[in-house]
Amino acid sequence: MLEDLEQWDIIEKAKLILDMQLDSNNDTLFEYYFQNAIDFIYDYCNVSEVPTTLYTVVSQMVAFQYRQRGIENVQSEGKGSLSQSFLTEYPPNIMNRLNRHAKVKFL
């Protein structure tokens, strides 16, 4: 289980990725994204604890979720001849790192 100090270190790194000031604004939102990322890793990798080698990935996942807020249910948007697509899943660089830690589930 991650200690509170480790959690805040990961959240602070996510804020650095986002080029945000290291203040307490949006901490509740970051805590939610943090727990969401941890739960995803538990389910996806079939582990009961997050390996320390994935802490940077958790920071990236938190930052990714923060960037995606407000466009959760939008896959693409068009205006005239311009269109923009949005990612709805974690990007390949994150998934590749998680795949290295995924354990096979036996049914």
N, C-alpha and C. Protein backbone atom coordinates (compact mmCIF):
# COMPACT_ATOMS: atom_id res chain seq x y z
N MET A 1 0.84 -1.18 0.00
CA MET A 1 0.00 0.00 0.00
C MET A 1 0.89 1.24 0.00
N LEU A 2 0.51 2.21 -0.78
CA LEU A 2 1.28 3.45 -0.83
C LEU A 2 1.07 4.27 0.43
N GLU A 3 2.14 4.80 0.94
CA GLU A 3 2.07 5.69 2.10
C GLU A 3 1.60 7.06 1.64
N ASP A 4 1.06 7.85 2.58
CA ASP A 4 0.58 9.19 2.25
C ASP A 4 1.68 10.04 1.63
N LEU A 5 2.90 9.92 2.15
CA LEU A 5 4.02 10.70 1.63
C LEU A 5 4.30 10.35 0.17
N GLU A 6 4.24 9.06 -0.14
CA GLU A 6 4.46 8.62 -1.52
C GLU A 6 3.34 9.13 -2.42
N GLN A 7 2.10 9.09 -1.92
CA GLN A 7 0.96 9.59 -2.69
C GLN A 7 1.16 11.05 -3.05
N TRP A 8 1.54 11.86 -2.07
CA TRP A 8 1.71 13.29 -2.33
C TRP A 8 2.90 13.56 -3.24
N ASP A 9 3.94 12.75 -3.13
CA ASP A 9 5.08 12.88 -4.03
C ASP A 9 4.65 12.61 -5.47
N ILE A 10 3.84 11.58 -5.67
CA ILE A 10 3.34 11.24 -7.01
C ILE A 10 2.45 12.36 -7.54
N ILE A 11 1.57 12.89 -6.69
CA ILE A 11 0.68 13.98 -7.10
C ILE A 11 1.49 15.23 -7.44
N GLU A 12 2.51 15.54 -6.64
CA GLU A 12 3.36 16.70 -6.93
C GLU A 12 4.08 16.53 -8.28
N LYS A 13 4.52 15.31 -8.58
CA LYS A 13 5.16 15.06 -9.88
C LYS A 13 4.17 15.22 -11.02
N ALA A 14 2.92 14.82 -10.80
CA ALA A 14 1.88 15.02 -11.83
C ALA A 14 1.69 16.51 -12.08
N LYS A 15 1.70 17.31 -11.02
CA LYS A 15 1.57 18.76 -11.18
C LYS A 15 2.76 19.33 -11.95
N LEU A 16 3.95 18.80 -11.71
CA LEU A 16 5.13 19.25 -12.47
C LEU A 16 5.00 18.91 -13.94
N ILE A 17 4.49 17.71 -14.24
CA ILE A 17 4.26 17.31 -15.63
C ILE A 17 3.31 18.30 -16.29
N LEU A 18 2.31 18.75 -15.54
CA LEU A 18 1.31 19.68 -16.07
C LEU A 18 1.78 21.13 -16.01
N ASP A 19 3.00 21.36 -15.50
CA ASP A 19 3.56 22.69 -15.36
C ASP A 19 2.67 23.58 -14.48
N MET A 20 2.19 22.98 -13.39
CA MET A 20 1.33 23.69 -12.45
C MET A 20 2.14 24.07 -11.22
N GLN A 21 1.68 25.11 -10.53
CA GLN A 21 2.30 25.48 -9.27
C GLN A 21 2.03 24.39 -8.24
N LEU A 22 2.98 24.18 -7.36
CA LEU A 22 2.83 23.15 -6.34
C LEU A 22 2.08 23.71 -5.13
N ASP A 23 0.79 23.99 -5.34
CA ASP A 23 -0.05 24.46 -4.25
C ASP A 23 -1.17 23.46 -4.03
N SER A 24 -2.07 23.78 -3.14
CA SER A 24 -3.12 22.82 -2.78
C SER A 24 -4.39 22.98 -3.60
N ASN A 25 -4.38 23.87 -4.59
CA ASN A 25 -5.55 24.00 -5.46
C ASN A 25 -5.78 22.68 -6.19
N ASN A 26 -7.00 22.26 -6.26
CA ASN A 26 -7.40 21.03 -6.96
C ASN A 26 -6.88 19.75 -6.32
N ASP A 27 -6.41 19.79 -5.08
CA ASP A 27 -5.87 18.58 -4.46
C ASP A 27 -6.91 17.47 -4.37
N THR A 28 -8.16 17.82 -4.10
CA THR A 28 -9.21 16.80 -4.03
C THR A 28 -9.36 16.10 -5.37
N LEU A 29 -9.32 16.86 -6.44
CA LEU A 29 -9.41 16.29 -7.78
C LEU A 29 -8.20 15.40 -8.07
N PHE A 30 -7.02 15.86 -7.70
CA PHE A 30 -5.81 15.06 -7.91
C PHE A 30 -5.84 13.77 -7.08
N GLU A 31 -6.39 13.85 -5.86
CA GLU A 31 -6.52 12.64 -5.04
C GLU A 31 -7.45 11.64 -5.71
N TYR A 32 -8.53 12.13 -6.30
CA TYR A 32 -9.46 11.25 -7.02
C TYR A 32 -8.76 10.59 -8.21
N TYR A 33 -8.05 11.39 -9.01
CA TYR A 33 -7.34 10.84 -10.17
C TYR A 33 -6.26 9.85 -9.73
N PHE A 34 -5.61 10.14 -8.61
CA PHE A 34 -4.59 9.24 -8.08
C PHE A 34 -5.22 7.89 -7.74
N GLN A 35 -6.31 7.91 -6.98
CA GLN A 35 -6.96 6.66 -6.59
C GLN A 35 -7.49 5.91 -7.80
N ASN A 36 -8.00 6.65 -8.78
CA ASN A 36 -8.48 6.04 -10.01
C ASN A 36 -7.34 5.33 -10.74
N ALA A 37 -6.18 5.96 -10.80
CA ALA A 37 -5.01 5.35 -11.46
C ALA A 37 -4.55 4.10 -10.71
N ILE A 38 -4.53 4.17 -9.38
CA ILE A 38 -4.12 3.03 -8.57
C ILE A 38 -5.08 1.86 -8.78
N ASP A 39 -6.39 2.14 -8.75
CA ASP A 39 -7.39 1.08 -8.97
C ASP A 39 -7.24 0.47 -10.35
N PHE A 40 -6.97 1.30 -11.35
CA PHE A 40 -6.77 0.79 -12.71
C PHE A 40 -5.58 -0.16 -12.75
N ILE A 41 -4.49 0.21 -12.10
CA ILE A 41 -3.29 -0.65 -12.07
C ILE A 41 -3.59 -1.96 -11.36
N TYR A 42 -4.30 -1.90 -10.23
CA TYR A 42 -4.67 -3.14 -9.52
C TYR A 42 -5.43 -4.08 -10.46
N ASP A 43 -6.43 -3.54 -11.15
CA ASP A 43 -7.26 -4.37 -12.02
C ASP A 43 -6.52 -4.82 -13.27
N TYR A 44 -5.85 -3.89 -13.93
CA TYR A 44 -5.20 -4.19 -15.20
C TYR A 44 -4.01 -5.12 -15.03
N CYS A 45 -3.20 -4.86 -14.02
CA CYS A 45 -1.98 -5.66 -13.82
C CYS A 45 -2.21 -6.87 -12.92
N ASN A 46 -3.39 -6.95 -12.31
CA ASN A 46 -3.72 -8.06 -11.41
C ASN A 46 -2.71 -8.14 -10.26
N VAL A 47 -2.49 -7.01 -9.62
CA VAL A 47 -1.56 -6.93 -8.48
C VAL A 47 -2.30 -6.38 -7.27
N SER A 48 -1.76 -6.65 -6.09
CA SER A 48 -2.37 -6.12 -4.86
C SER A 48 -1.62 -4.90 -4.33
N GLU A 49 -0.42 -4.67 -4.86
CA GLU A 49 0.36 -3.48 -4.53
C GLU A 49 0.99 -2.92 -5.80
N VAL A 50 1.13 -1.61 -5.85
CA VAL A 50 1.75 -0.98 -7.01
C VAL A 50 3.26 -1.03 -6.84
N PRO A 51 3.97 -1.63 -7.80
CA PRO A 51 5.43 -1.67 -7.71
C PRO A 51 6.01 -0.25 -7.76
N THR A 52 7.08 -0.02 -7.04
CA THR A 52 7.70 1.31 -7.03
C THR A 52 8.15 1.72 -8.42
N THR A 53 8.43 0.76 -9.29
CA THR A 53 8.85 1.07 -10.66
C THR A 53 7.71 1.68 -11.47
N LEU A 54 6.48 1.64 -10.96
CA LEU A 54 5.34 2.24 -11.67
C LEU A 54 4.93 3.59 -11.10
N TYR A 55 5.63 4.10 -10.11
CA TYR A 55 5.25 5.38 -9.52
C TYR A 55 5.27 6.51 -10.56
N THR A 56 6.25 6.52 -11.44
CA THR A 56 6.28 7.58 -12.47
C THR A 56 5.11 7.41 -13.43
N VAL A 57 4.72 6.17 -13.68
CA VAL A 57 3.57 5.91 -14.55
C VAL A 57 2.29 6.43 -13.89
N VAL A 58 2.18 6.25 -12.58
CA VAL A 58 1.01 6.76 -11.86
C VAL A 58 0.95 8.28 -12.00
N SER A 59 2.08 8.96 -11.89
CA SER A 59 2.12 10.42 -12.09
C SER A 59 1.65 10.78 -13.49
N GLN A 60 2.09 10.03 -14.48
CA GLN A 60 1.68 10.28 -15.86
C GLN A 60 0.18 10.03 -16.04
N MET A 61 -0.34 8.99 -15.39
CA MET A 61 -1.77 8.68 -15.47
C MET A 61 -2.61 9.78 -14.83
N VAL A 62 -2.17 10.29 -13.69
CA VAL A 62 -2.87 11.38 -13.02
C VAL A 62 -2.87 12.62 -13.91
N ALA A 63 -1.72 12.95 -14.49
CA ALA A 63 -1.63 14.12 -15.38
C ALA A 63 -2.52 13.93 -16.61
N PHE A 64 -2.53 12.73 -17.17
CA PHE A 64 -3.36 12.44 -18.34
C PHE A 64 -4.84 12.64 -18.00
N GLN A 65 -5.27 12.10 -16.86
CA GLN A 65 -6.68 12.26 -16.46
C GLN A 65 -7.03 13.73 -16.26
N TYR A 66 -6.11 14.50 -15.68
CA TYR A 66 -6.36 15.92 -15.47
C TYR A 66 -6.54 16.65 -16.81
N ARG A 67 -5.71 16.30 -17.77
CA ARG A 67 -5.81 16.93 -19.10
C ARG A 67 -7.12 16.57 -19.80
N GLN A 68 -7.66 15.39 -19.50
CA GLN A 68 -8.86 14.90 -20.17
C GLN A 68 -10.15 15.41 -19.55
N ARG A 69 -10.09 16.07 -18.41
CA ARG A 69 -11.33 16.49 -17.75
C ARG A 69 -12.10 17.46 -18.64
N GLY A 70 -13.39 17.29 -18.65
CA GLY A 70 -14.25 18.13 -19.47
C GLY A 70 -14.51 17.56 -20.85
N ILE A 71 -13.73 16.56 -21.26
CA ILE A 71 -13.96 15.95 -22.58
C ILE A 71 -14.19 14.45 -22.44
N GLU A 72 -14.63 14.01 -21.26
CA GLU A 72 -14.75 12.59 -20.97
C GLU A 72 -15.63 11.84 -21.97
N ASN A 73 -16.73 12.44 -22.39
CA ASN A 73 -17.67 11.75 -23.27
C ASN A 73 -17.61 12.23 -24.71
N VAL A 74 -16.58 12.98 -25.06
CA VAL A 74 -16.43 13.49 -26.42
C VAL A 74 -15.29 12.75 -27.10
N GLN A 75 -15.60 12.08 -28.22
CA GLN A 75 -14.54 11.37 -28.95
C GLN A 75 -13.93 12.24 -30.03
N SER A 76 -14.76 13.09 -30.65
CA SER A 76 -14.22 14.00 -31.65
C SER A 76 -15.14 15.21 -31.74
N GLU A 77 -14.59 16.27 -32.29
CA GLU A 77 -15.34 17.51 -32.38
C GLU A 77 -14.98 18.17 -33.70
N GLY A 78 -15.98 18.67 -34.41
CA GLY A 78 -15.72 19.30 -35.69
C GLY A 78 -16.29 20.71 -35.75
N LYS A 79 -15.55 21.58 -36.41
CA LYS A 79 -16.00 22.95 -36.64
C LYS A 79 -15.62 23.30 -38.06
N GLY A 80 -16.61 23.37 -38.92
CA GLY A 80 -16.32 23.64 -40.32
C GLY A 80 -15.50 22.52 -40.92
N SER A 81 -14.37 22.86 -41.51
CA SER A 81 -13.51 21.85 -42.13
C SER A 81 -12.47 21.29 -41.15
N LEU A 82 -12.48 21.78 -39.92
CA LEU A 82 -11.53 21.29 -38.92
C LEU A 82 -12.19 20.26 -38.01
N SER A 83 -11.44 19.24 -37.65
CA SER A 83 -11.95 18.28 -36.68
C SER A 83 -10.83 17.93 -35.71
N GLN A 84 -11.22 17.57 -34.52
CA GLN A 84 -10.24 17.22 -33.49
C GLN A 84 -10.71 15.95 -32.81
N SER A 85 -9.79 15.01 -32.63
CA SER A 85 -10.10 13.76 -31.93
C SER A 85 -9.49 13.81 -30.54
N PHE A 86 -10.14 13.14 -29.61
CA PHE A 86 -9.67 13.11 -28.23
C PHE A 86 -9.36 11.68 -27.84
N LEU A 87 -8.32 11.50 -27.04
CA LEU A 87 -8.00 10.19 -26.50
C LEU A 87 -9.00 9.84 -25.41
N THR A 88 -9.50 8.62 -25.44
CA THR A 88 -10.43 8.19 -24.41
C THR A 88 -9.82 7.11 -23.53
N GLU A 89 -8.66 6.63 -23.89
CA GLU A 89 -7.96 5.62 -23.11
C GLU A 89 -6.55 6.14 -22.85
N TYR A 90 -5.86 5.46 -21.93
CA TYR A 90 -4.48 5.86 -21.67
C TYR A 90 -3.65 5.67 -22.93
N PRO A 91 -2.70 6.56 -23.18
CA PRO A 91 -1.87 6.46 -24.39
C PRO A 91 -0.94 5.24 -24.36
N PRO A 92 -0.43 4.85 -25.53
CA PRO A 92 0.41 3.65 -25.64
C PRO A 92 1.63 3.65 -24.73
N ASN A 93 2.27 4.80 -24.52
CA ASN A 93 3.47 4.80 -23.67
C ASN A 93 3.14 4.37 -22.24
N ILE A 94 1.98 4.73 -21.74
CA ILE A 94 1.56 4.31 -20.41
C ILE A 94 1.17 2.83 -20.42
N MET A 95 0.39 2.43 -21.42
CA MET A 95 -0.07 1.04 -21.49
C MET A 95 1.10 0.07 -21.67
N ASN A 96 2.10 0.46 -22.44
CA ASN A 96 3.28 -0.40 -22.63
C ASN A 96 3.99 -0.65 -21.30
N ARG A 97 4.11 0.38 -20.49
CA ARG A 97 4.75 0.21 -19.17
C ARG A 97 3.92 -0.68 -18.27
N LEU A 98 2.59 -0.51 -18.32
CA LEU A 98 1.72 -1.35 -17.50
C LEU A 98 1.75 -2.81 -17.96
N ASN A 99 1.84 -3.01 -19.27
CA ASN A 99 1.87 -4.37 -19.81
C ASN A 99 3.06 -5.16 -19.27
N ARG A 100 4.17 -4.49 -19.02
CA ARG A 100 5.35 -5.17 -18.49
C ARG A 100 5.13 -5.70 -17.07
N HIS A 101 4.16 -5.14 -16.38
CA HIS A 101 3.88 -5.55 -15.00
C HIS A 101 2.60 -6.36 -14.86
N ALA A 102 1.90 -6.56 -15.97
CA ALA A 102 0.63 -7.29 -15.91
C ALA A 102 0.87 -8.77 -15.64
N LYS A 103 0.08 -9.31 -14.74
CA LYS A 103 0.15 -10.74 -14.42
C LYS A 103 -1.07 -11.41 -15.04
N VAL A 104 -0.88 -12.61 -15.53
CA VAL A 104 -1.96 -13.35 -16.17
C VAL A 104 -2.98 -13.78 -15.12
N LYS A 105 -4.25 -13.58 -15.45
CA LYS A 105 -5.33 -14.03 -14.57
C LYS A 105 -5.75 -15.43 -15.00
N PHE A 106 -5.82 -16.34 -14.07
CA PHE A 106 -6.29 -17.68 -14.36
C PHE A 106 -7.74 -17.80 -13.91
N LEU A 107 -8.56 -18.33 -14.80
CA LEU A 107 -9.99 -18.48 -14.46
C LEU A 107 -10.28 -19.84 -13.92
